[in-house]
N, C-alpha and C. Protein backbone atom coordinates (compact mmCIF):
# COMPACT_ATOMS: atom_id res chain seq x y z
N MET A 1 66.91 143.80 75.76
CA MET A 1 67.40 142.83 74.81
C MET A 1 66.61 141.55 74.96
N LYS A 2 66.08 141.02 73.82
CA LYS A 2 65.26 139.83 73.87
C LYS A 2 66.12 138.61 74.04
N ARG A 3 65.62 137.64 74.77
CA ARG A 3 66.34 136.38 74.96
C ARG A 3 65.95 135.43 73.84
N ILE A 4 66.95 134.73 73.28
CA ILE A 4 66.69 133.76 72.20
C ILE A 4 66.16 132.51 72.84
N PRO A 5 65.03 132.02 72.37
CA PRO A 5 64.47 130.79 72.95
C PRO A 5 65.47 129.66 72.86
N ARG A 6 65.49 128.81 73.88
CA ARG A 6 66.46 127.72 73.94
C ARG A 6 66.31 126.76 72.76
N ALA A 7 65.08 126.49 72.34
CA ALA A 7 64.86 125.54 71.23
C ALA A 7 65.51 126.05 69.95
N LEU A 8 65.35 127.38 69.68
CA LEU A 8 65.95 127.96 68.49
C LEU A 8 67.46 127.92 68.56
N LEU A 9 68.00 128.21 69.72
CA LEU A 9 69.45 128.19 69.92
C LEU A 9 70.00 126.78 69.71
N ALA A 10 69.31 125.78 70.23
CA ALA A 10 69.75 124.40 70.09
C ALA A 10 69.71 123.97 68.63
N ALA A 11 68.64 124.37 67.89
CA ALA A 11 68.52 124.01 66.48
C ALA A 11 69.64 124.64 65.65
N THR A 12 69.99 125.89 65.98
CA THR A 12 71.06 126.58 65.26
C THR A 12 72.40 125.89 65.49
N MET A 13 72.65 125.49 66.72
CA MET A 13 73.90 124.81 67.03
C MET A 13 73.98 123.44 66.35
N LEU A 14 72.85 122.74 66.29
CA LEU A 14 72.81 121.44 65.66
C LEU A 14 73.09 121.55 64.16
N LEU A 15 72.47 122.56 63.50
CA LEU A 15 72.68 122.78 62.07
C LEU A 15 74.14 123.11 61.78
N SER A 16 74.76 123.91 62.61
CA SER A 16 76.16 124.26 62.44
C SER A 16 77.05 123.04 62.55
N THR A 17 76.71 122.13 63.45
CA THR A 17 77.49 120.92 63.64
C THR A 17 77.37 120.01 62.42
N VAL A 18 76.15 119.86 61.85
CA VAL A 18 75.93 119.00 60.69
C VAL A 18 76.70 119.53 59.48
N VAL A 19 76.65 120.83 59.20
CA VAL A 19 77.36 121.42 58.06
C VAL A 19 78.85 121.20 58.21
N SER A 20 79.38 121.39 59.40
CA SER A 20 80.81 121.20 59.62
C SER A 20 81.20 119.74 59.41
N ALA A 21 80.35 118.82 59.81
CA ALA A 21 80.66 117.40 59.68
C ALA A 21 80.67 116.96 58.22
N ARG A 22 79.86 117.61 57.37
CA ARG A 22 79.78 117.22 55.96
C ARG A 22 80.92 117.81 55.16
N ALA A 23 81.60 118.82 55.69
CA ALA A 23 82.71 119.43 54.98
C ALA A 23 83.92 118.52 55.06
N GLU A 24 84.75 118.55 54.01
CA GLU A 24 85.99 117.77 54.03
C GLU A 24 86.94 118.39 55.04
N PRO A 25 87.81 117.59 55.63
CA PRO A 25 88.79 118.15 56.55
C PRO A 25 89.60 119.24 55.85
N GLY A 26 89.69 120.37 56.49
CA GLY A 26 90.46 121.47 55.93
C GLY A 26 89.70 122.28 54.89
N GLU A 27 88.46 121.92 54.56
CA GLU A 27 87.70 122.63 53.54
C GLU A 27 87.11 123.90 54.15
N HIS A 28 87.18 124.98 53.43
CA HIS A 28 86.66 126.25 53.90
C HIS A 28 85.16 126.32 53.60
N ILE A 29 84.35 126.60 54.59
CA ILE A 29 82.90 126.74 54.39
C ILE A 29 82.62 128.20 54.12
N ASN A 30 82.02 128.48 53.01
CA ASN A 30 81.81 129.86 52.58
C ASN A 30 80.41 130.31 53.00
N HIS A 31 80.36 131.13 54.04
CA HIS A 31 79.07 131.62 54.54
C HIS A 31 78.67 132.94 53.92
N HIS A 32 79.59 133.60 53.23
CA HIS A 32 79.32 134.98 52.79
C HIS A 32 79.51 135.17 51.30
N ASN A 33 79.32 134.12 50.50
CA ASN A 33 79.43 134.21 49.04
C ASN A 33 80.79 134.71 48.57
N GLU A 34 81.85 134.42 49.34
CA GLU A 34 83.19 134.80 48.89
C GLU A 34 83.67 133.75 47.90
N ALA A 35 84.72 134.10 47.17
CA ALA A 35 85.31 133.10 46.29
C ALA A 35 85.92 132.00 47.14
N PRO A 36 85.68 130.73 46.80
CA PRO A 36 86.24 129.66 47.61
C PRO A 36 87.75 129.61 47.52
N ALA A 37 88.36 129.17 48.58
CA ALA A 37 89.80 129.05 48.59
C ALA A 37 90.21 127.95 47.62
N PRO A 38 91.27 128.16 46.83
CA PRO A 38 91.68 127.12 45.89
C PRO A 38 92.18 125.89 46.63
N SER A 39 91.79 124.71 46.16
CA SER A 39 92.19 123.49 46.82
C SER A 39 93.30 122.78 46.05
N ALA A 40 93.66 123.30 44.86
CA ALA A 40 94.73 122.71 44.08
C ALA A 40 95.60 123.81 43.53
N PRO A 41 96.83 123.53 43.16
CA PRO A 41 97.70 124.56 42.62
C PRO A 41 97.10 125.20 41.38
N ALA A 42 97.42 126.48 41.16
CA ALA A 42 96.87 127.20 40.01
C ALA A 42 97.28 126.51 38.72
N GLY A 43 96.35 126.49 37.75
CA GLY A 43 96.63 125.87 36.47
C GLY A 43 96.40 124.38 36.44
N ARG A 44 96.00 123.80 37.55
CA ARG A 44 95.76 122.36 37.58
C ARG A 44 94.31 122.12 37.93
N PRO A 45 93.45 121.76 36.98
CA PRO A 45 92.02 121.58 37.28
C PRO A 45 91.80 120.41 38.21
N SER A 46 90.65 120.43 38.86
CA SER A 46 90.33 119.34 39.77
C SER A 46 90.15 118.05 39.00
N SER A 47 90.24 116.91 39.71
CA SER A 47 90.14 115.61 39.06
C SER A 47 88.77 115.42 38.41
N PHE A 48 87.75 116.10 38.90
CA PHE A 48 86.41 115.98 38.31
C PHE A 48 86.42 116.42 36.85
N PHE A 49 87.15 117.51 36.56
CA PHE A 49 87.18 118.05 35.21
C PHE A 49 88.22 117.36 34.33
N MET A 50 89.11 116.59 34.94
CA MET A 50 90.17 115.94 34.17
C MET A 50 89.76 114.55 33.67
N GLN A 51 88.61 114.06 34.09
CA GLN A 51 88.21 112.72 33.66
C GLN A 51 87.96 112.71 32.15
N PRO A 52 88.63 111.81 31.41
CA PRO A 52 88.44 111.80 29.95
C PRO A 52 87.10 111.20 29.57
N ASN A 53 86.62 111.62 28.42
CA ASN A 53 85.40 111.00 27.89
C ASN A 53 85.73 109.58 27.47
N PRO A 54 84.92 108.60 27.83
CA PRO A 54 85.22 107.22 27.43
C PRO A 54 85.10 107.06 25.92
N ARG A 55 86.06 106.35 25.30
CA ARG A 55 86.00 106.06 23.87
C ARG A 55 86.09 104.57 23.68
N THR A 56 85.24 104.06 22.84
CA THR A 56 85.25 102.62 22.63
C THR A 56 86.20 102.22 21.52
N LEU A 57 86.65 103.18 20.71
CA LEU A 57 87.47 102.82 19.57
C LEU A 57 88.43 103.95 19.22
N ASP A 58 89.70 103.60 19.09
CA ASP A 58 90.71 104.55 18.61
C ASP A 58 90.67 104.47 17.08
N VAL A 59 89.86 105.32 16.48
CA VAL A 59 89.57 105.21 15.04
C VAL A 59 90.82 105.36 14.16
N PRO A 60 91.64 106.40 14.35
CA PRO A 60 92.81 106.52 13.45
C PRO A 60 93.74 105.31 13.52
N ARG A 61 94.00 104.82 14.72
CA ARG A 61 94.89 103.66 14.85
C ARG A 61 94.26 102.42 14.22
N ARG A 62 92.96 102.25 14.45
CA ARG A 62 92.28 101.07 13.90
C ARG A 62 92.28 101.10 12.38
N LEU A 63 92.04 102.28 11.79
CA LEU A 63 92.06 102.39 10.33
C LEU A 63 93.45 102.10 9.77
N ALA A 64 94.48 102.53 10.48
CA ALA A 64 95.85 102.23 10.03
C ALA A 64 96.09 100.73 10.05
N ASP A 65 95.59 100.04 11.08
CA ASP A 65 95.74 98.58 11.15
C ASP A 65 94.98 97.90 10.02
N ILE A 66 93.75 98.39 9.76
CA ILE A 66 92.94 97.80 8.69
C ILE A 66 93.63 97.96 7.34
N ARG A 67 94.14 99.16 7.11
CA ARG A 67 94.81 99.42 5.82
C ARG A 67 96.03 98.52 5.65
N ARG A 68 96.75 98.30 6.72
CA ARG A 68 97.93 97.44 6.65
C ARG A 68 97.56 95.99 6.31
N ASP A 69 96.42 95.52 6.85
CA ASP A 69 96.01 94.12 6.67
C ASP A 69 95.12 93.88 5.45
N LEU A 70 94.67 94.95 4.80
CA LEU A 70 93.73 94.82 3.68
C LEU A 70 94.46 94.31 2.44
N LYS A 71 93.91 93.27 1.83
CA LYS A 71 94.52 92.65 0.65
C LYS A 71 93.50 92.52 -0.47
N VAL A 72 93.99 92.48 -1.70
CA VAL A 72 93.15 92.13 -2.84
C VAL A 72 93.02 90.61 -2.82
N GLY A 73 91.78 90.11 -2.76
CA GLY A 73 91.56 88.69 -2.60
C GLY A 73 91.34 87.95 -3.90
N ALA A 74 90.11 87.93 -4.39
CA ALA A 74 89.74 87.18 -5.60
C ALA A 74 89.29 88.13 -6.69
N ALA A 75 89.29 87.63 -7.92
CA ALA A 75 88.67 88.33 -9.05
C ALA A 75 87.63 87.38 -9.64
N TRP A 76 86.53 87.93 -10.10
CA TRP A 76 85.46 87.08 -10.63
C TRP A 76 84.60 87.86 -11.60
N VAL A 77 83.72 87.12 -12.25
CA VAL A 77 82.76 87.72 -13.17
C VAL A 77 81.38 87.61 -12.54
N ALA A 78 80.70 88.74 -12.41
CA ALA A 78 79.32 88.74 -11.91
C ALA A 78 78.39 88.50 -13.10
N LEU A 79 77.40 87.64 -12.86
CA LEU A 79 76.46 87.28 -13.93
C LEU A 79 75.03 87.58 -13.53
N THR A 80 74.22 87.93 -14.54
CA THR A 80 72.77 88.03 -14.38
C THR A 80 72.14 87.34 -15.58
N ALA A 81 71.34 86.34 -15.29
CA ALA A 81 70.71 85.55 -16.37
C ALA A 81 71.76 85.05 -17.36
N GLU A 82 72.86 84.54 -16.81
CA GLU A 82 73.96 83.95 -17.60
C GLU A 82 74.73 84.96 -18.45
N LYS A 83 74.43 86.26 -18.28
CA LYS A 83 75.17 87.28 -19.01
C LYS A 83 76.12 87.99 -18.05
N PRO A 84 77.36 88.25 -18.47
CA PRO A 84 78.29 88.95 -17.60
C PRO A 84 77.85 90.40 -17.39
N THR A 85 77.80 90.81 -16.15
CA THR A 85 77.40 92.20 -15.85
C THR A 85 78.56 93.03 -15.31
N ALA A 86 79.59 92.37 -14.78
CA ALA A 86 80.72 93.12 -14.23
C ALA A 86 81.89 92.20 -13.96
N LEU A 87 83.09 92.79 -14.06
CA LEU A 87 84.30 92.14 -13.54
C LEU A 87 84.57 92.78 -12.19
N LYS A 88 84.88 91.96 -11.19
CA LYS A 88 85.07 92.49 -9.85
C LYS A 88 86.28 91.86 -9.17
N ALA A 89 86.73 92.54 -8.14
CA ALA A 89 87.79 92.02 -7.27
C ALA A 89 87.39 92.32 -5.83
N SER A 90 87.76 91.42 -4.95
CA SER A 90 87.39 91.60 -3.53
C SER A 90 88.54 92.21 -2.74
N LEU A 91 88.17 92.93 -1.69
CA LEU A 91 89.12 93.37 -0.67
C LEU A 91 88.86 92.51 0.55
N GLU A 92 89.92 91.95 1.12
CA GLU A 92 89.77 90.99 2.20
C GLU A 92 90.73 91.30 3.35
N ILE A 93 90.28 90.90 4.54
CA ILE A 93 91.12 90.96 5.73
C ILE A 93 91.10 89.58 6.37
N ASN A 94 92.28 88.98 6.48
CA ASN A 94 92.40 87.64 7.07
C ASN A 94 91.42 86.65 6.43
N GLY A 95 91.29 86.74 5.11
CA GLY A 95 90.42 85.82 4.38
C GLY A 95 88.95 86.18 4.40
N LYS A 96 88.58 87.24 5.09
CA LYS A 96 87.17 87.67 5.15
C LYS A 96 86.93 88.76 4.11
N VAL A 97 85.93 88.55 3.24
CA VAL A 97 85.59 89.54 2.22
C VAL A 97 84.89 90.73 2.89
N VAL A 98 85.41 91.94 2.66
CA VAL A 98 84.84 93.12 3.31
C VAL A 98 84.38 94.19 2.32
N ALA A 99 84.77 94.07 1.05
CA ALA A 99 84.36 95.07 0.05
C ALA A 99 84.64 94.51 -1.34
N ALA A 100 84.05 95.16 -2.35
CA ALA A 100 84.27 94.75 -3.74
C ALA A 100 84.64 95.96 -4.59
N LEU A 101 85.50 95.71 -5.57
CA LEU A 101 85.86 96.72 -6.57
C LEU A 101 85.29 96.28 -7.90
N THR A 102 84.74 97.21 -8.66
CA THR A 102 84.33 96.91 -10.03
C THR A 102 85.49 97.32 -10.94
N LEU A 103 85.80 96.44 -11.90
CA LEU A 103 86.97 96.65 -12.76
C LEU A 103 86.57 97.02 -14.17
N ASP A 104 87.43 97.80 -14.80
CA ASP A 104 87.27 98.11 -16.22
C ASP A 104 87.60 96.83 -17.00
N PRO A 105 86.65 96.30 -17.81
CA PRO A 105 86.92 95.04 -18.51
C PRO A 105 88.03 95.15 -19.55
N ASN A 106 88.40 96.36 -19.92
CA ASN A 106 89.46 96.54 -20.93
C ASN A 106 90.87 96.47 -20.35
N ASN A 107 91.01 96.87 -19.06
CA ASN A 107 92.37 96.89 -18.50
C ASN A 107 92.46 96.36 -17.07
N GLY A 108 91.31 96.02 -16.47
CA GLY A 108 91.33 95.46 -15.12
C GLY A 108 91.55 96.46 -14.01
N LYS A 109 91.49 97.76 -14.29
CA LYS A 109 91.69 98.78 -13.25
C LYS A 109 90.37 99.07 -12.54
N PRO A 110 90.42 99.40 -11.23
CA PRO A 110 89.18 99.77 -10.53
C PRO A 110 88.57 101.03 -11.12
N VAL A 111 87.25 101.03 -11.21
CA VAL A 111 86.53 102.18 -11.78
C VAL A 111 85.83 102.95 -10.66
N PRO A 112 85.49 104.23 -10.91
CA PRO A 112 84.80 105.00 -9.87
C PRO A 112 83.49 104.33 -9.45
N PHE A 113 83.22 104.36 -8.16
CA PHE A 113 82.06 103.67 -7.60
C PHE A 113 80.75 104.10 -8.26
N LEU A 114 80.57 105.39 -8.46
CA LEU A 114 79.31 105.89 -9.02
C LEU A 114 79.17 105.62 -10.51
N GLU A 115 80.25 105.18 -11.17
CA GLU A 115 80.21 104.89 -12.61
C GLU A 115 80.29 103.40 -12.90
N ARG A 116 80.21 102.57 -11.85
CA ARG A 116 80.48 101.13 -12.05
C ARG A 116 79.49 100.45 -12.99
N SER A 117 78.26 100.96 -13.10
CA SER A 117 77.28 100.33 -13.99
C SER A 117 77.61 100.57 -15.47
N ASN A 118 78.54 101.49 -15.76
CA ASN A 118 78.92 101.79 -17.14
C ASN A 118 80.02 100.86 -17.67
N TYR A 119 80.48 99.93 -16.85
CA TYR A 119 81.62 99.09 -17.24
C TYR A 119 81.21 97.62 -17.30
N ARG A 120 80.33 97.31 -18.22
CA ARG A 120 79.87 95.92 -18.40
C ARG A 120 80.73 95.24 -19.46
N PRO A 121 81.20 94.05 -19.15
CA PRO A 121 81.98 93.32 -20.18
C PRO A 121 81.07 92.84 -21.30
N SER A 122 81.56 92.90 -22.52
CA SER A 122 80.75 92.44 -23.67
C SER A 122 80.77 90.92 -23.78
N ALA A 123 81.78 90.29 -23.18
CA ALA A 123 81.88 88.83 -23.21
C ALA A 123 82.67 88.37 -22.00
N LEU A 124 82.59 87.09 -21.72
CA LEU A 124 83.37 86.54 -20.61
C LEU A 124 84.86 86.63 -20.93
N PRO A 125 85.65 87.14 -20.00
CA PRO A 125 87.10 87.15 -20.23
C PRO A 125 87.64 85.73 -20.04
N SER A 126 88.85 85.51 -20.49
CA SER A 126 89.47 84.20 -20.23
C SER A 126 89.97 84.16 -18.79
N GLU A 127 90.15 82.98 -18.27
CA GLU A 127 90.67 82.84 -16.91
C GLU A 127 92.08 83.43 -16.79
N VAL A 128 92.85 83.31 -17.89
CA VAL A 128 94.21 83.87 -17.89
C VAL A 128 94.16 85.39 -17.77
N ALA A 129 93.25 86.03 -18.53
CA ALA A 129 93.13 87.49 -18.48
C ALA A 129 92.70 87.94 -17.08
N LEU A 130 91.76 87.21 -16.49
CA LEU A 130 91.29 87.55 -15.15
C LEU A 130 92.42 87.40 -14.13
N GLY A 131 93.21 86.36 -14.29
CA GLY A 131 94.35 86.15 -13.40
C GLY A 131 95.39 87.26 -13.53
N THR A 132 95.60 87.73 -14.75
CA THR A 132 96.54 88.83 -14.98
C THR A 132 96.05 90.11 -14.31
N TYR A 133 94.76 90.39 -14.45
CA TYR A 133 94.18 91.56 -13.78
C TYR A 133 94.40 91.49 -12.27
N LEU A 134 94.18 90.31 -11.71
CA LEU A 134 94.32 90.13 -10.27
C LEU A 134 95.78 90.35 -9.83
N THR A 135 96.72 89.81 -10.59
CA THR A 135 98.14 89.99 -10.28
C THR A 135 98.51 91.47 -10.31
N ASP A 136 98.04 92.18 -11.33
CA ASP A 136 98.34 93.61 -11.45
C ASP A 136 97.74 94.41 -10.30
N LEU A 137 96.50 94.06 -9.91
CA LEU A 137 95.86 94.76 -8.79
C LEU A 137 96.68 94.60 -7.51
N ARG A 138 97.17 93.42 -7.27
CA ARG A 138 97.95 93.18 -6.05
C ARG A 138 99.25 94.00 -6.05
N LYS A 139 99.84 94.15 -7.23
CA LYS A 139 101.06 94.97 -7.33
C LYS A 139 100.77 96.44 -7.07
N GLU A 140 99.58 96.88 -7.49
CA GLU A 140 99.23 98.31 -7.39
C GLU A 140 98.44 98.64 -6.13
N ALA A 141 98.32 97.70 -5.21
CA ALA A 141 97.48 97.91 -4.02
C ALA A 141 97.97 99.05 -3.13
N THR A 142 99.19 99.53 -3.35
CA THR A 142 99.67 100.69 -2.58
C THR A 142 98.89 101.95 -2.94
N ASP A 143 98.18 101.91 -4.08
CA ASP A 143 97.36 103.06 -4.48
C ASP A 143 96.07 103.17 -3.66
N LEU A 144 95.81 102.15 -2.82
CA LEU A 144 94.57 102.13 -2.05
C LEU A 144 94.71 103.01 -0.80
N LYS A 145 93.74 103.91 -0.62
CA LYS A 145 93.73 104.81 0.54
C LYS A 145 92.31 104.88 1.09
N PHE A 146 92.19 105.39 2.33
CA PHE A 146 90.89 105.62 2.93
C PHE A 146 90.57 107.11 2.90
N GLY A 147 89.26 107.42 2.83
CA GLY A 147 88.83 108.81 2.84
C GLY A 147 89.02 109.44 4.22
N ALA A 148 88.90 110.75 4.26
CA ALA A 148 89.13 111.49 5.50
C ALA A 148 87.94 111.45 6.44
N TYR A 149 86.76 111.10 5.96
CA TYR A 149 85.55 111.17 6.77
C TYR A 149 84.92 109.79 6.95
N LEU A 150 84.43 109.53 8.15
CA LEU A 150 83.67 108.33 8.44
C LEU A 150 82.24 108.73 8.76
N LEU A 151 81.29 108.03 8.21
CA LEU A 151 79.89 108.34 8.45
C LEU A 151 79.20 107.16 9.13
N PRO A 152 78.36 107.43 10.14
CA PRO A 152 77.61 106.33 10.75
C PRO A 152 76.57 105.81 9.78
N SER A 153 76.35 104.51 9.79
CA SER A 153 75.35 103.89 8.92
C SER A 153 74.81 102.67 9.65
N PRO A 154 73.72 102.08 9.15
CA PRO A 154 73.18 100.88 9.80
C PRO A 154 74.19 99.73 9.85
N ARG A 155 75.15 99.71 8.93
CA ARG A 155 76.14 98.62 8.92
C ARG A 155 77.36 98.92 9.79
N GLY A 156 77.50 100.15 10.25
CA GLY A 156 78.66 100.54 11.06
C GLY A 156 79.22 101.85 10.56
N LEU A 157 80.47 102.14 10.93
CA LEU A 157 81.12 103.35 10.43
C LEU A 157 81.53 103.12 8.98
N GLU A 158 81.05 103.98 8.11
CA GLU A 158 81.29 103.83 6.68
C GLU A 158 82.64 104.45 6.31
N VAL A 159 83.51 103.64 5.72
CA VAL A 159 84.85 104.08 5.33
C VAL A 159 84.93 104.13 3.81
N GLN A 160 85.29 105.27 3.28
CA GLN A 160 85.45 105.42 1.83
C GLN A 160 86.79 104.81 1.40
N VAL A 161 86.76 104.03 0.33
CA VAL A 161 87.96 103.40 -0.20
C VAL A 161 88.32 104.07 -1.52
N TYR A 162 89.56 104.60 -1.61
CA TYR A 162 90.03 105.27 -2.82
C TYR A 162 91.16 104.47 -3.46
N TRP A 163 91.17 104.49 -4.79
CA TRP A 163 92.25 103.85 -5.54
C TRP A 163 92.73 104.86 -6.58
N SER A 164 94.00 105.23 -6.52
CA SER A 164 94.55 106.26 -7.42
C SER A 164 93.71 107.53 -7.39
N GLY A 165 93.25 107.90 -6.20
CA GLY A 165 92.50 109.15 -6.03
C GLY A 165 91.03 109.08 -6.38
N LYS A 166 90.52 107.89 -6.78
CA LYS A 166 89.11 107.76 -7.14
C LYS A 166 88.38 106.94 -6.07
N LEU A 167 87.17 107.39 -5.73
CA LEU A 167 86.34 106.62 -4.80
C LEU A 167 85.86 105.36 -5.53
N VAL A 168 86.27 104.20 -5.02
CA VAL A 168 85.96 102.95 -5.73
C VAL A 168 85.09 101.99 -4.93
N SER A 169 84.99 102.17 -3.61
CA SER A 169 84.19 101.24 -2.81
C SER A 169 84.02 101.80 -1.40
N TYR A 170 83.34 101.00 -0.57
CA TYR A 170 83.15 101.33 0.84
C TYR A 170 83.37 100.05 1.65
N LEU A 171 83.87 100.23 2.87
CA LEU A 171 83.83 99.13 3.83
C LEU A 171 83.29 99.69 5.14
N TYR A 172 82.95 98.79 6.07
CA TYR A 172 82.26 99.21 7.28
C TYR A 172 82.94 98.63 8.52
N VAL A 173 83.03 99.47 9.56
CA VAL A 173 83.71 99.09 10.79
C VAL A 173 82.73 99.14 11.95
N ASN A 174 82.72 98.08 12.74
CA ASN A 174 81.89 98.05 13.95
C ASN A 174 82.46 99.07 14.94
N PRO A 175 81.67 100.10 15.35
CA PRO A 175 82.21 101.15 16.21
C PRO A 175 82.52 100.67 17.63
N ASN A 176 81.98 99.53 18.04
CA ASN A 176 82.19 99.06 19.40
C ASN A 176 83.48 98.27 19.58
N ASN A 177 83.83 97.45 18.58
CA ASN A 177 85.02 96.63 18.75
C ASN A 177 86.05 96.79 17.64
N GLY A 178 85.75 97.60 16.63
CA GLY A 178 86.71 97.85 15.56
C GLY A 178 86.78 96.78 14.50
N ASP A 179 85.93 95.74 14.59
CA ASP A 179 85.94 94.69 13.56
C ASP A 179 85.41 95.24 12.24
N VAL A 180 86.02 94.80 11.15
CA VAL A 180 85.50 95.15 9.84
C VAL A 180 84.34 94.21 9.52
N VAL A 181 83.24 94.78 9.08
CA VAL A 181 82.02 94.01 8.84
C VAL A 181 82.17 93.21 7.54
N ALA A 182 81.83 91.94 7.60
CA ALA A 182 81.91 91.08 6.41
C ALA A 182 80.88 91.52 5.37
N ASP A 183 81.28 91.45 4.10
CA ASP A 183 80.39 91.77 2.98
C ASP A 183 79.78 90.46 2.49
N GLU A 184 78.65 90.09 3.09
CA GLU A 184 78.03 88.78 2.81
C GLU A 184 77.53 88.67 1.37
N SER A 185 76.98 89.74 0.82
CA SER A 185 76.45 89.67 -0.54
C SER A 185 77.57 89.45 -1.56
N THR A 186 78.71 90.09 -1.33
CA THR A 186 79.85 89.87 -2.23
C THR A 186 80.39 88.45 -2.09
N THR A 187 80.42 87.94 -0.86
CA THR A 187 80.87 86.56 -0.64
C THR A 187 79.99 85.58 -1.41
N ARG A 188 78.67 85.79 -1.38
CA ARG A 188 77.75 84.93 -2.13
C ARG A 188 77.97 85.06 -3.63
N GLU A 189 78.19 86.29 -4.08
CA GLU A 189 78.38 86.52 -5.51
C GLU A 189 79.63 85.78 -6.02
N ILE A 190 80.70 85.81 -5.22
CA ILE A 190 81.92 85.09 -5.60
C ILE A 190 81.64 83.59 -5.69
N SER A 191 80.94 83.08 -4.69
CA SER A 191 80.64 81.63 -4.66
C SER A 191 79.80 81.20 -5.85
N ASN A 192 78.91 82.09 -6.32
CA ASN A 192 78.01 81.74 -7.42
C ASN A 192 78.60 81.99 -8.81
N SER A 193 79.78 82.59 -8.86
CA SER A 193 80.37 82.92 -10.16
C SER A 193 81.00 81.68 -10.80
N PRO A 194 80.74 81.46 -12.09
CA PRO A 194 81.37 80.31 -12.79
C PRO A 194 82.82 80.58 -13.16
N LEU A 195 83.24 81.86 -13.05
CA LEU A 195 84.61 82.20 -13.43
C LEU A 195 85.19 83.09 -12.33
N ARG A 196 86.09 82.52 -11.53
CA ARG A 196 86.73 83.26 -10.45
C ARG A 196 88.14 82.74 -10.25
N VAL A 197 89.03 83.64 -9.87
CA VAL A 197 90.41 83.26 -9.60
C VAL A 197 90.84 83.88 -8.28
N LYS A 198 91.77 83.19 -7.61
CA LYS A 198 92.28 83.69 -6.33
C LYS A 198 93.80 83.78 -6.35
């Protein structure tokens, strides 16, 4: 029988000591490819697998909050070269303009987004008529709903805005903090309009 050299024996003992020291107290070291002993009760995954994925925004709850706070703000006439091109109304949150609706000049109702260029007023409405449209929109604001899908875009998460089942506008939500993105171009258009009511 051959004698094991002392150096090899010492190295083997040292390796065994290091492996044992790295194991958790009570942990079974598997030298023979057996199934490891369970360390938690059956049906309860380890804490490593239970860690939730981090989410920066609770989208359904945030959309519910936005819908609750969303109001019809102002109504105005958009002009190009002193000619009326559209009647519009703003959607606002806490006084911040976040979207615009194009209105049918005959009845003041929101028109489908993709058909908005077909609804040009033939003449400037009176301030009284515009005010009446705005009052009616505020009464009917319960018809406003959000679409089921959100799409990422350069401005944020794109939210479809529906009125009486028709897609009428879009607003955008910052995915990091849930803030609704201000619609700066609409804000400027309102400021530049010679006929606007709030």
